[in-house]
C-alpha atoms as a PDB file:
ATOM      1  CA  UNK A   1     107.798 100.238  84.465  1.00  0.00           C
ATOM      2  CA  UNK A   2     110.388  99.206  81.942  1.00  0.00           C
ATOM      3  CA  UNK A   3     112.988 101.885  81.847  1.00  0.00           C
ATOM      4  CA  UNK A   4     115.300  99.766  83.933  1.00  0.00           C
ATOM      5  CA  UNK A   5     113.252  98.758  86.913  1.00  0.00           C
ATOM      6  CA  UNK A   6     113.471 100.081  89.615  1.00  0.00           C
ATOM      7  CA  UNK A   7     114.606 103.438  88.178  1.00  0.00           C
ATOM      8  CA  UNK A   8     114.607 106.757  89.952  1.00  0.00           C
ATOM      9  CA  UNK A   9     111.547 107.694  87.954  1.00  0.00           C
ATOM     10  CA  UNK A  10     109.722 104.543  89.012  1.00  0.00           C
ATOM     11  CA  UNK A  11     110.459 105.419  92.676  1.00  0.00           C
ATOM     12  CA  UNK A  12     109.236 109.015  92.208  1.00  0.00           C
ATOM     13  CA  UNK A  13     105.970 107.734  90.855  1.00  0.00           C
ATOM     14  CA  UNK A  14     105.502 105.178  93.580  1.00  0.00           C
ATOM     15  CA  UNK A  15     106.424 107.726  96.271  1.00  0.00           C
ATOM     16  CA  UNK A  16     103.813 110.222  95.223  1.00  0.00           C
ATOM     17  CA  UNK A  17     101.071 107.527  94.945  1.00  0.00           C
ATOM     18  CA  UNK A  18     102.080 106.041  98.283  1.00  0.00           C
ATOM     19  CA  UNK A  19     101.576 109.448  99.871  1.00  0.00           C
ATOM     20  CA  UNK A  20      98.224 110.055  98.175  1.00  0.00           C
ATOM     21  CA  UNK A  21      96.951 106.637  99.358  1.00  0.00           C
ATOM     22  CA  UNK A  22      98.600 106.696 102.749  1.00  0.00           C
ATOM     23  CA  UNK A  23      97.208 106.609 106.345  1.00  0.00           C
ATOM     24  CA  UNK A  24      98.989 109.809 107.236  1.00  0.00           C
ATOM     25  CA  UNK A  25      96.703 112.543 108.512  1.00  0.00           C
ATOM     26  CA  UNK A  26      96.002 115.175 105.945  1.00  0.00           C
ATOM     27  CA  UNK A  27      96.711 118.533 107.529  1.00  0.00           C
ATOM     28  CA  UNK A  28      94.624 120.284 104.901  1.00  0.00           C
ATOM     29  CA  UNK A  29      91.452 118.295 105.633  1.00  0.00           C
ATOM     30  CA  UNK A  30      88.511 120.539 106.530  1.00  0.00           C
ATOM     31  CA  UNK A  31      86.824 117.974 108.754  1.00  0.00           C
ATOM     32  CA  UNK A  32      87.341 117.563 112.454  1.00  0.00           C
ATOM     33  CA  UNK A  33      89.004 115.295 113.362  1.00  0.00           C
ATOM     34  CA  UNK A  34      91.177 115.408 110.254  1.00  0.00           C
ATOM     35  CA  UNK A  35      91.089 112.300 108.088  1.00  0.00           C
ATOM     36  CA  UNK A  36      93.898 110.380 106.362  1.00  0.00           C
ATOM     37  CA  UNK A  37      95.000 111.114 102.824  1.00  0.00           C
ATOM     38  CA  UNK A  38      93.371 107.869 101.701  1.00  0.00           C
ATOM     39  CA  UNK A  39      90.061 108.493 103.421  1.00  0.00           C
ATOM     40  CA  UNK A  40      89.931 112.050 102.023  1.00  0.00           C
ATOM     41  CA  UNK A  41      90.366 110.566  98.554  1.00  0.00           C
ATOM     42  CA  UNK A  42      87.711 107.906  99.272  1.00  0.00           C
ATOM     43  CA  UNK A  43      85.275 110.619 100.053  1.00  0.00           C
ATOM     44  CA  UNK A  44      86.115 112.480  96.853  1.00  0.00           C
ATOM     45  CA  UNK A  45      85.780 109.272  94.815  1.00  0.00           C
ATOM     46  CA  UNK A  46      82.448 108.213  96.350  1.00  0.00           C
ATOM     47  CA  UNK A  47      80.721 111.589  96.354  1.00  0.00           C
ATOM     48  CA  UNK A  48      82.291 113.733  93.683  1.00  0.00           C
ATOM     49  CA  UNK A  49      84.111 111.975  90.838  1.00  0.00           C
ATOM     50  CA  UNK A  50      84.601 108.329  89.913  1.00  0.00           C
ATOM     51  CA  UNK A  51      88.144 108.599  88.804  1.00  0.00           C
ATOM     52  CA  UNK A  52      88.551 105.151  87.206  1.00  0.00           C
ATOM     53  CA  UNK A  53      85.363 104.871  85.153  1.00  0.00           C
ATOM     54  CA  UNK A  54      85.996 104.209  81.377  1.00  0.00           C
ATOM     55  CA  UNK A  55      85.869 107.822  80.201  1.00  0.00           C
ATOM     56  CA  UNK A  56      88.792 108.670  82.432  1.00  0.00           C
ATOM     57  CA  UNK A  57      92.314 108.388  80.921  1.00  0.00           C
ATOM     58  CA  UNK A  58      94.794 106.869  83.413  1.00  0.00           C
ATOM     59  CA  UNK A  59      97.495 109.277  82.405  1.00  0.00           C
ATOM     60  CA  UNK A  60      95.318 112.283  83.242  1.00  0.00           C
ATOM     61  CA  UNK A  61      94.122 110.719  86.547  1.00  0.00           C
ATOM     62  CA  UNK A  62      97.728 110.052  87.594  1.00  0.00           C
ATOM     63  CA  UNK A  63      98.725 113.596  86.731  1.00  0.00           C
ATOM     64  CA  UNK A  64      95.932 114.978  88.886  1.00  0.00           C
ATOM     65  CA  UNK A  65      96.747 112.698  91.793  1.00  0.00           C
ATOM     66  CA  UNK A  66     100.383 113.596  91.656  1.00  0.00           C
ATOM     67  CA  UNK A  67      99.701 117.326  91.592  1.00  0.00           C
ATOM     68  CA  UNK A  68      97.371 116.988  94.587  1.00  0.00           C
ATOM     69  CA  UNK A  69     100.474 115.803  96.495  1.00  0.00           C
ATOM     70  CA  UNK A  70     103.242 117.961  95.050  1.00  0.00           C
ATOM     71  CA  UNK A  71     101.162 121.182  94.791  1.00  0.00           C
ATOM     72  CA  UNK A  72     102.147 121.652  91.188  1.00  0.00           C
ATOM     73  CA  UNK A  73     105.546 120.167  90.278  1.00  0.00           C
ATOM     74  CA  UNK A  74     105.216 117.325  87.689  1.00  0.00           C
ATOM     75  CA  UNK A  75     106.082 113.646  88.381  1.00  0.00           C
ATOM     76  CA  UNK A  76     108.574 112.266  87.365  1.00  0.00           C
ATOM     77  CA  UNK A  77     110.855 115.312  87.352  1.00  0.00           C
ATOM     78  CA  UNK A  78     112.702 114.183  84.233  1.00  0.00           C
ATOM     79  CA  UNK A  79     110.582 115.214  81.243  1.00  0.00           C
ATOM     80  CA  UNK A  80     111.469 112.232  79.035  1.00  0.00           C
ATOM     81  CA  UNK A  81     110.614 109.823  81.831  1.00  0.00           C
ATOM     82  CA  UNK A  82     107.357 111.646  82.332  1.00  0.00           C
ATOM     83  CA  UNK A  83     106.486 111.454  78.599  1.00  0.00           C
ATOM     84  CA  UNK A  84     107.247 107.739  78.605  1.00  0.00           C
ATOM     85  CA  UNK A  85     105.001 107.228  81.633  1.00  0.00           C
ATOM     86  CA  UNK A  86     102.133 109.329  80.192  1.00  0.00           C
ATOM     87  CA  UNK A  87     102.412 107.445  76.930  1.00  0.00           C
ATOM     88  CA  UNK A  88     102.192 104.090  78.663  1.00  0.00           C
ATOM     89  CA  UNK A  89      99.153 105.098  80.608  1.00  0.00           C
ATOM     90  CA  UNK A  90      97.521 106.671  77.569  1.00  0.00           C
ATOM     91  CA  UNK A  91      96.075 103.434  76.154  1.00  0.00           C
ATOM     92  CA  UNK A  92      99.355 101.516  75.729  1.00  0.00           C
ATOM     93  CA  UNK A  93      99.110  99.060  78.587  1.00  0.00           C
ATOM     94  CA  UNK A  94      97.737  95.572  77.821  1.00  0.00           C
ATOM     95  CA  UNK A  95      93.894  95.959  78.078  1.00  0.00           C
ATOM     96  CA  UNK A  96      93.799  93.464  80.942  1.00  0.00           C
ATOM     97  CA  UNK A  97      96.274  95.470  82.946  1.00  0.00           C
ATOM     98  CA  UNK A  98      94.486  98.747  82.356  1.00  0.00           C
ATOM     99  CA  UNK A  99      91.288  97.185  83.542  1.00  0.00           C
ATOM    100  CA  UNK A 100      92.812  95.584  86.553  1.00  0.00           C
ATOM    101  CA  UNK A 101      94.268  98.916  87.661  1.00  0.00           C
ATOM    102  CA  UNK A 102      90.849 100.521  87.357  1.00  0.00           C
ATOM    103  CA  UNK A 103      89.076  97.689  89.118  1.00  0.00           C
ATOM    104  CA  UNK A 104      91.521  97.360  92.077  1.00  0.00           C
ATOM    105  CA  UNK A 105      91.615 101.114  92.718  1.00  0.00           C
ATOM    106  CA  UNK A 106      87.851 101.365  92.414  1.00  0.00           C
ATOM    107  CA  UNK A 107      87.514  98.576  95.037  1.00  0.00           C
ATOM    108  CA  UNK A 108      90.027 100.343  97.350  1.00  0.00           C
ATOM    109  CA  UNK A 109      88.295 103.745  97.031  1.00  0.00           C
ATOM    110  CA  UNK A 110      84.788 102.367  97.117  1.00  0.00           C
ATOM    111  CA  UNK A 111      82.754 101.520 100.197  1.00  0.00           C
ATOM    112  CA  UNK A 112      83.862  98.670 102.454  1.00  0.00           C
ATOM    113  CA  UNK A 113      80.455  97.058 102.010  1.00  0.00           C
ATOM    114  CA  UNK A 114      81.186  96.412  98.392  1.00  0.00           C
ATOM    115  CA  UNK A 115      84.710  95.062  98.904  1.00  0.00           C
ATOM    116  CA  UNK A 116      86.917  94.546 101.999  1.00  0.00           C
ATOM    117  CA  UNK A 117      89.683  96.608 100.232  1.00  0.00           C
ATOM    118  CA  UNK A 118      87.479  99.648 100.916  1.00  0.00           C
ATOM    119  CA  UNK A 119      88.432  99.442 104.524  1.00  0.00           C
ATOM    120  CA  UNK A 120      92.241  99.100 104.279  1.00  0.00           C
ATOM    121  CA  UNK A 121      94.407 101.648 106.054  1.00  0.00           C
ATOM    122  CA  UNK A 122      96.705 102.405 103.143  1.00  0.00           C
ATOM    123  CA  UNK A 123      97.965 101.211  99.754  1.00  0.00           C
ATOM    124  CA  UNK A 124     101.524 100.307  98.757  1.00  0.00           C
ATOM    125  CA  UNK A 125     102.549 100.986  95.167  1.00  0.00           C
ATOM    126  CA  UNK A 126     105.695  99.419  93.685  1.00  0.00           C
ATOM    127  CA  UNK A 127     107.206  97.953  90.563  1.00  0.00           C
ATOM    128  CA  UNK A 128     108.914  94.601  90.024  1.00  0.00           C
ATOM    129  CA  UNK A 129     111.075  93.059  87.302  1.00  0.00           C
ATOM    130  CA  UNK A 130     109.630  89.531  87.236  1.00  0.00           C
ATOM    131  CA  UNK A 131     108.296  87.046  84.748  1.00  0.00           C
ATOM    132  CA  UNK A 132     104.667  87.688  83.931  1.00  0.00           C
ATOM    133  CA  UNK A 133     102.203  84.821  83.842  1.00  0.00           C
ATOM    134  CA  UNK A 134     100.692  86.069  80.542  1.00  0.00           C
ATOM    135  CA  UNK A 135     104.075  86.465  78.861  1.00  0.00           C
ATOM    136  CA  UNK A 136     103.198  90.067  78.021  1.00  0.00           C
ATOM    137  CA  UNK A 137     105.532  92.844  79.012  1.00  0.00           C
ATOM    138  CA  UNK A 138     103.238  94.119  81.872  1.00  0.00           C
ATOM    139  CA  UNK A 139     100.977  92.500  84.405  1.00  0.00           C
ATOM    140  CA  UNK A 140      99.318  93.775  87.570  1.00  0.00           C
ATOM    141  CA  UNK A 141      99.749  91.667  90.705  1.00  0.00           C
ATOM    142  CA  UNK A 142      98.108  89.237  91.097  1.00  0.00           C
ATOM    143  CA  UNK A 143      97.591  87.972  87.500  1.00  0.00           C
ATOM    144  CA  UNK A 144      95.612  90.992  86.507  1.00  0.00           C
ATOM    145  CA  UNK A 145      92.974  90.257  89.099  1.00  0.00           C
ATOM    146  CA  UNK A 146      90.107  92.736  89.557  1.00  0.00           C
ATOM    147  CA  UNK A 147      90.126  92.027  93.257  1.00  0.00           C
ATOM    148  CA  UNK A 148      92.856  93.647  95.355  1.00  0.00           C
ATOM    149  CA  UNK A 149      94.892  91.520  97.737  1.00  0.00           C
ATOM    150  CA  UNK A 150      94.329  92.605 101.376  1.00  0.00           C
ATOM    151  CA  UNK A 151      97.323  92.102 103.687  1.00  0.00           C
ATOM    152  CA  UNK A 152      98.224  93.041 107.261  1.00  0.00           C
ATOM    153  CA  UNK A 153     101.538  94.587 108.158  1.00  0.00           C
ATOM    154  CA  UNK A 154     103.679  94.188 111.325  1.00  0.00           C
ATOM    155  CA  UNK A 155     101.745  97.068 112.974  1.00  0.00           C
ATOM    156  CA  UNK A 156      98.432  95.261 112.394  1.00  0.00           C
ATOM    157  CA  UNK A 157      97.430  97.722 109.751  1.00  0.00           C
ATOM    158  CA  UNK A 158      95.674  96.507 106.626  1.00  0.00           C
ATOM    159  CA  UNK A 159      96.856  97.450 103.199  1.00  0.00           C
ATOM    160  CA  UNK A 160      96.682  96.530  99.517  1.00  0.00           C
ATOM    161  CA  UNK A 161      99.814  96.087  97.409  1.00  0.00           C
ATOM    162  CA  UNK A 162      99.499  97.495  93.892  1.00  0.00           C
ATOM    163  CA  UNK A 163     102.447  96.054  91.976  1.00  0.00           C
ATOM    164  CA  UNK A 164     103.116  96.663  88.261  1.00  0.00           C
ATOM    165  CA  UNK A 165     105.165  93.741  87.122  1.00  0.00           C
ATOM    166  CA  UNK A 166     107.376  93.872  84.002  1.00  0.00           C
ATOM    167  CA  UNK A 167     109.311  91.060  82.413  1.00  0.00           C
ATOM    168  CA  UNK A 168     111.357  93.213  80.100  1.00  0.00           C
ATOM    169  CA  UNK A 169     113.925  95.581  81.517  1.00  0.00           C
ATOM    170  CA  UNK A 170     114.122  98.214  78.814  1.00  0.00           C
ATOM    171  CA  UNK A 171     113.127 101.860  78.225  1.00  0.00           C
ATOM    172  CA  UNK A 172     109.478 102.629  77.621  1.00  0.00           C
ATOM    173  CA  UNK A 173     108.435 104.129  74.265  1.00  0.00           C
ATOM    174  CA  UNK A 174     109.309 107.823  74.123  1.00  0.00           C
ATOM    175  CA  UNK A 175     106.707 109.741  72.075  1.00  0.00           C
ATOM    176  CA  UNK A 176     107.738 113.429  71.974  1.00  0.00           C
ATOM    177  CA  UNK A 177     104.243 114.315  70.729  1.00  0.00           C
ATOM    178  CA  UNK A 178     102.658 113.009  74.000  1.00  0.00           C
ATOM    179  CA  UNK A 179     100.828 115.925  75.693  1.00  0.00           C
ATOM    180  CA  UNK A 180     102.519 117.100  78.925  1.00  0.00           C
ATOM    181  CA  UNK A 181     100.403 117.485  80.949  1.00  0.00           C
ATOM    182  CA  UNK A 182      97.665 115.315  79.648  1.00  0.00           C
ATOM    183  CA  UNK A 183      94.751 117.494  78.434  1.00  0.00           C
ATOM    184  CA  UNK A 184      91.902 118.518  80.719  1.00  0.00           C
ATOM    185  CA  UNK A 185      88.643 117.181  79.246  1.00  0.00           C
ATOM    186  CA  UNK A 186      86.822 120.139  80.936  1.00  0.00           C
ATOM    187  CA  UNK A 187      84.524 118.276  83.242  1.00  0.00           C
ATOM    188  CA  UNK A 188      86.794 117.504  86.149  1.00  0.00           C
ATOM    189  CA  UNK A 189      86.305 118.202  89.868  1.00  0.00           C
ATOM    190  CA  UNK A 190      89.422 119.501  91.562  1.00  0.00           C
ATOM    191  CA  UNK A 191      91.001 116.796  93.760  1.00  0.00           C
ATOM    192  CA  UNK A 192      91.501 118.155  97.307  1.00  0.00           C
ATOM    193  CA  UNK A 193      94.953 119.414  97.948  1.00  0.00           C
ATOM    194  CA  UNK A 194      97.037 117.051 100.077  1.00  0.00           C
ATOM    195  CA  UNK A 195     100.431 118.711 100.408  1.00  0.00           C
ATOM    196  CA  UNK A 196     101.053 120.389 103.804  1.00  0.00           C
ATOM    197  CA  UNK A 197     101.242 124.191 103.516  1.00  0.00           C
ATOM    198  CA  UNK A 198     104.754 125.515 103.628  1.00  0.00           C
ATOM    199  CA  UNK A 199     105.737 126.762 107.053  1.00  0.00           C
ATOM    200  CA  UNK A 200     106.019 130.494 107.201  1.00  0.00           C
ATOM    201  CA  UNK A 201     109.380 131.688 108.141  1.00  0.00           C
ATOM    202  CA  UNK A 202     109.429 133.424 111.528  1.00  0.00           C
ATOM    203  CA  UNK A 203     111.093 136.741 111.232  1.00  0.00           C
ATOM    204  CA  UNK A 204     112.856 137.403 114.486  1.00  0.00           C
ATOM    205  CA  UNK A 205     112.588 140.930 115.678  1.00  0.00           C
ATOM    206  CA  UNK A 206     115.928 142.664 115.821  1.00  0.00           C
ATOM    207  CA  UNK A 207     116.958 143.733 119.233  1.00  0.00           C
ATOM    208  CA  UNK A 208     117.012 147.489 119.472  1.00  0.00           C
ATOM    209  CA  UNK A 209     120.346 147.616 121.186  1.00  0.00           C
ATOM    210  CA  UNK A 210     121.012 151.231 120.342  1.00  0.00           C
ATOM    211  CA  UNK A 211     117.723 152.374 121.826  1.00  0.00           C
ATOM    212  CA  UNK A 212     118.316 150.551 125.067  1.00  0.00           C
ATOM    213  CA  UNK A 213     121.752 152.004 125.373  1.00  0.00           C
ATOM    214  CA  UNK A 214     120.477 155.522 124.690  1.00  0.00           C
ATOM    215  CA  UNK A 215     117.723 155.148 127.227  1.00  0.00           C
ATOM    216  CA  UNK A 216     120.207 153.842 129.843  1.00  0.00           C
ATOM    217  CA  UNK A 217     122.527 156.800 129.064  1.00  0.00           C
ATOM    218  CA  UNK A 218     119.713 159.324 129.413  1.00  0.00           C
ATOM    219  CA  UNK A 219     118.670 157.825 132.746  1.00  0.00           C
ATOM    220  CA  UNK A 220     122.194 158.173 134.076  1.00  0.00           C
ATOM    221  CA  UNK A 221     122.416 161.735 132.868  1.00  0.00           C
ATOM    222  CA  UNK A 222     119.112 162.604 134.542  1.00  0.00           C
ATOM    223  CA  UNK A 223     120.309 161.157 137.831  1.00  0.00           C
ATOM    224  CA  UNK A 224     123.528 163.099 137.588  1.00  0.00           C
ATOM    225  CA  UNK A 225     121.662 166.319 136.937  1.00  0.00           C
ATOM    226  CA  UNK A 226     119.544 165.796 140.039  1.00  0.00           C
ATOM    227  CA  UNK A 227     122.695 165.335 142.237  1.00  0.00           C
ATOM    228  CA  UNK A 228     123.986 168.715 141.039  1.00  0.00           C
END
């Protein structure tokens, strides 16, 4: 994503998306047996809110997906990097790239009957500093196609690679007026929380050593009294 690919911020973005679209079991799922993070998101997309329809801003959708994983902390952590990322997604990608992102993720989250990508186990997000076929700064693998590429990994699991390619290794535009976070249009459905609940600290009970010693001493005194 510009900004000196692959930067720490790029990696933070990909990491949170990889988790949200992963085949890890979501411990917060209310169904039994619990579903994967990706399948929970598919259910949300197909029955509650079509996240990638035209009215949705990509920057706002990303913010919501990230928070559903972190539980609140923004991504990337660095504010300037975050503003650059939000600005890019806020209508500053080449139109063909914006559309390809929407189309590929719609196919992945949609029913398998509509596209084989709807049955993949997980999605792998990454960035790459490579020459683009269009000559523009950004391109989505493969050649801004609307159809996701379905691959199989070494464990025989199917996945789709979502790769944002960039042919210029430079910082993205920093617009200090970019809203952080992107504004809520007021008609959203909360995305199910994905982050595992923090484990409660087990407070070990202190051993009542003094009480045990006192009881032992009293017992001995009682026995001594009886002997007398």
